[in-house]
Amino acid sequence: MQPIPETSPRFSNLQLELLRLYSRDLPEEELLKIKDLLADFFAERAIAGANAWWEANNWTEADVERMLTTKMRAGKTEDNATLRH
């Protein structure tokens, strides 16, 4: 087996670390536990980021309802059409 490099243009630092840590086969049960741990970790980070964004913008439940019922995506306009061509 080839040694795992310290850096790589193809892999992130997290991917390289996981390759080094788990360069051997694991039982399926352990693999599932690790997947759950990683999913929980990244979910917590996403929730913390969303909460920070919420607080920074002083959003309320009314703001969320408005966002859910408002078309937020810009449609095709004449100005946008000329920029594309």
C-alpha atoms as a PDB file:
ATOM      1  CA  MET A   1       0.000   0.000   0.000  1.00  0.00           C
ATOM      2  CA  GLN A   2       1.296   3.480  -0.885  1.00  0.00           C
ATOM      3  CA  PRO A   3       1.820   5.994   1.927  1.00  0.00           C
ATOM      4  CA  ILE A   4      -0.833   8.690   2.195  1.00  0.00           C
ATOM      5  CA  PRO A   5       0.643  12.118   1.347  1.00  0.00           C
ATOM      6  CA  GLU A   6       0.560  15.069   3.750  1.00  0.00           C
ATOM      7  CA  THR A   7      -1.218  17.259   1.173  1.00  0.00           C
ATOM      8  CA  SER A   8      -3.007  16.594  -2.076  1.00  0.00           C
ATOM      9  CA  PRO A   9      -4.741  18.699  -4.733  1.00  0.00           C
ATOM     10  CA  ARG A  10      -7.373  15.945  -5.023  1.00  0.00           C
ATOM     11  CA  PHE A  11      -8.302  15.515  -1.351  1.00  0.00           C
ATOM     12  CA  SER A  12      -9.145  17.889   1.477  1.00  0.00           C
ATOM     13  CA  ASN A  13      -7.207  17.774   4.728  1.00  0.00           C
ATOM     14  CA  LEU A  14     -10.187  15.994   6.308  1.00  0.00           C
ATOM     15  CA  GLN A  15     -10.238  13.331   3.604  1.00  0.00           C
ATOM     16  CA  LEU A  16      -6.507  12.723   3.979  1.00  0.00           C
ATOM     17  CA  GLU A  17      -6.811  12.408   7.749  1.00  0.00           C
ATOM     18  CA  LEU A  18      -9.675   9.938   7.428  1.00  0.00           C
ATOM     19  CA  LEU A  19      -7.678   7.924   4.897  1.00  0.00           C
ATOM     20  CA  ARG A  20      -4.779   7.735   7.349  1.00  0.00           C
ATOM     21  CA  LEU A  21      -6.994   6.861  10.314  1.00  0.00           C
ATOM     22  CA  TYR A  22      -9.011   4.241   8.515  1.00  0.00           C
ATOM     23  CA  SER A  23      -6.574   2.652   6.114  1.00  0.00           C
ATOM     24  CA  ARG A  24      -7.805  -0.752   7.269  1.00  0.00           C
ATOM     25  CA  ASP A  25     -11.148  -2.474   6.917  1.00  0.00           C
ATOM     26  CA  LEU A  26     -13.685  -1.998   9.690  1.00  0.00           C
ATOM     27  CA  PRO A  27     -16.637  -4.147  10.608  1.00  0.00           C
ATOM     28  CA  GLU A  28     -19.831  -2.789   9.044  1.00  0.00           C
ATOM     29  CA  GLU A  29     -21.248  -1.883  12.470  1.00  0.00           C
ATOM     30  CA  GLU A  30     -18.238   0.327  13.293  1.00  0.00           C
ATOM     31  CA  LEU A  31     -18.356   1.932   9.860  1.00  0.00           C
ATOM     32  CA  LEU A  32     -22.018   2.849  10.379  1.00  0.00           C
ATOM     33  CA  LYS A  33     -21.230   4.356  13.793  1.00  0.00           C
ATOM     34  CA  ILE A  34     -18.476   6.489  12.281  1.00  0.00           C
ATOM     35  CA  LYS A  35     -20.805   7.643   9.502  1.00  0.00           C
ATOM     36  CA  ASP A  36     -23.372   8.623  12.139  1.00  0.00           C
ATOM     37  CA  LEU A  37     -20.750  10.528  14.149  1.00  0.00           C
ATOM     38  CA  LEU A  38     -19.630  12.449  11.072  1.00  0.00           C
ATOM     39  CA  ALA A  39     -23.216  13.195  10.039  1.00  0.00           C
ATOM     40  CA  ASP A  40     -24.013  14.457  13.552  1.00  0.00           C
ATOM     41  CA  PHE A  41     -20.880  16.626  13.609  1.00  0.00           C
ATOM     42  CA  PHE A  42     -21.665  18.319  10.289  1.00  0.00           C
ATOM     43  CA  ALA A  43     -25.367  18.666  11.140  1.00  0.00           C
ATOM     44  CA  GLU A  44     -24.453  20.457  14.383  1.00  0.00           C
ATOM     45  CA  ARG A  45     -22.173  22.817  12.443  1.00  0.00           C
ATOM     46  CA  ALA A  46     -24.912  23.562   9.909  1.00  0.00           C
ATOM     47  CA  ILE A  47     -27.472  24.219  12.647  1.00  0.00           C
ATOM     48  CA  ALA A  48     -25.056  26.487  14.533  1.00  0.00           C
ATOM     49  CA  GLY A  49     -24.397  28.427  11.330  1.00  0.00           C
ATOM     50  CA  ALA A  50     -28.103  28.782  10.599  1.00  0.00           C
ATOM     51  CA  ASN A  51     -28.782  29.916  14.164  1.00  0.00           C
ATOM     52  CA  ALA A  52     -26.004  32.514  13.956  1.00  0.00           C
ATOM     53  CA  TRP A  53     -27.415  33.790  10.656  1.00  0.00           C
ATOM     54  CA  TRP A  54     -30.902  33.941  12.195  1.00  0.00           C
ATOM     55  CA  GLU A  55     -29.653  35.958  15.181  1.00  0.00           C
ATOM     56  CA  ALA A  56     -27.459  38.262  13.071  1.00  0.00           C
ATOM     57  CA  ASN A  57     -30.502  39.167  10.960  1.00  0.00           C
ATOM     58  CA  ASN A  58     -32.890  39.426  13.946  1.00  0.00           C
ATOM     59  CA  TRP A  59     -35.391  37.179  12.186  1.00  0.00           C
ATOM     60  CA  THR A  60     -38.741  36.307  13.725  1.00  0.00           C
ATOM     61  CA  GLU A  61     -41.250  33.549  13.010  1.00  0.00           C
ATOM     62  CA  ALA A  62     -43.143  36.100  10.890  1.00  0.00           C
ATOM     63  CA  ASP A  63     -40.012  36.609   8.766  1.00  0.00           C
ATOM     64  CA  VAL A  64     -39.748  32.872   8.195  1.00  0.00           C
ATOM     65  CA  GLU A  65     -43.408  32.638   7.165  1.00  0.00           C
ATOM     66  CA  ARG A  66     -42.871  35.518   4.734  1.00  0.00           C
ATOM     67  CA  MET A  67     -39.797  33.793   3.260  1.00  0.00           C
ATOM     68  CA  LEU A  68     -41.684  30.529   2.883  1.00  0.00           C
ATOM     69  CA  THR A  69     -44.527  32.174   0.988  1.00  0.00           C
ATOM     70  CA  THR A  70     -42.527  34.648  -1.117  1.00  0.00           C
ATOM     71  CA  LYS A  71     -41.000  33.824  -4.471  1.00  0.00           C
ATOM     72  CA  MET A  72     -37.371  34.685  -3.733  1.00  0.00           C
ATOM     73  CA  ARG A  73     -35.777  33.536  -6.984  1.00  0.00           C
ATOM     74  CA  ALA A  74     -35.358  36.230  -9.600  1.00  0.00           C
ATOM     75  CA  GLY A  75     -37.219  35.520 -12.784  1.00  0.00           C
ATOM     76  CA  LYS A  76     -36.081  36.165 -16.325  1.00  0.00           C
ATOM     77  CA  THR A  77     -36.191  39.878 -17.028  1.00  0.00           C
ATOM     78  CA  GLU A  78     -35.464  41.845 -20.143  1.00  0.00           C
ATOM     79  CA  ASP A  79     -32.224  43.166 -18.594  1.00  0.00           C
ATOM     80  CA  ASN A  80     -31.091  39.646 -17.678  1.00  0.00           C
ATOM     81  CA  ALA A  81     -31.905  38.388 -21.164  1.00  0.00           C
ATOM     82  CA  THR A  82     -29.641  40.977 -22.786  1.00  0.00           C
ATOM     83  CA  LEU A  83     -26.782  40.081 -20.450  1.00  0.00           C
ATOM     84  CA  ARG A  84     -26.954  36.431 -21.488  1.00  0.00           C
ATOM     85  CA  HIS A  85     -26.595  37.097 -25.214  1.00  0.00           C
END
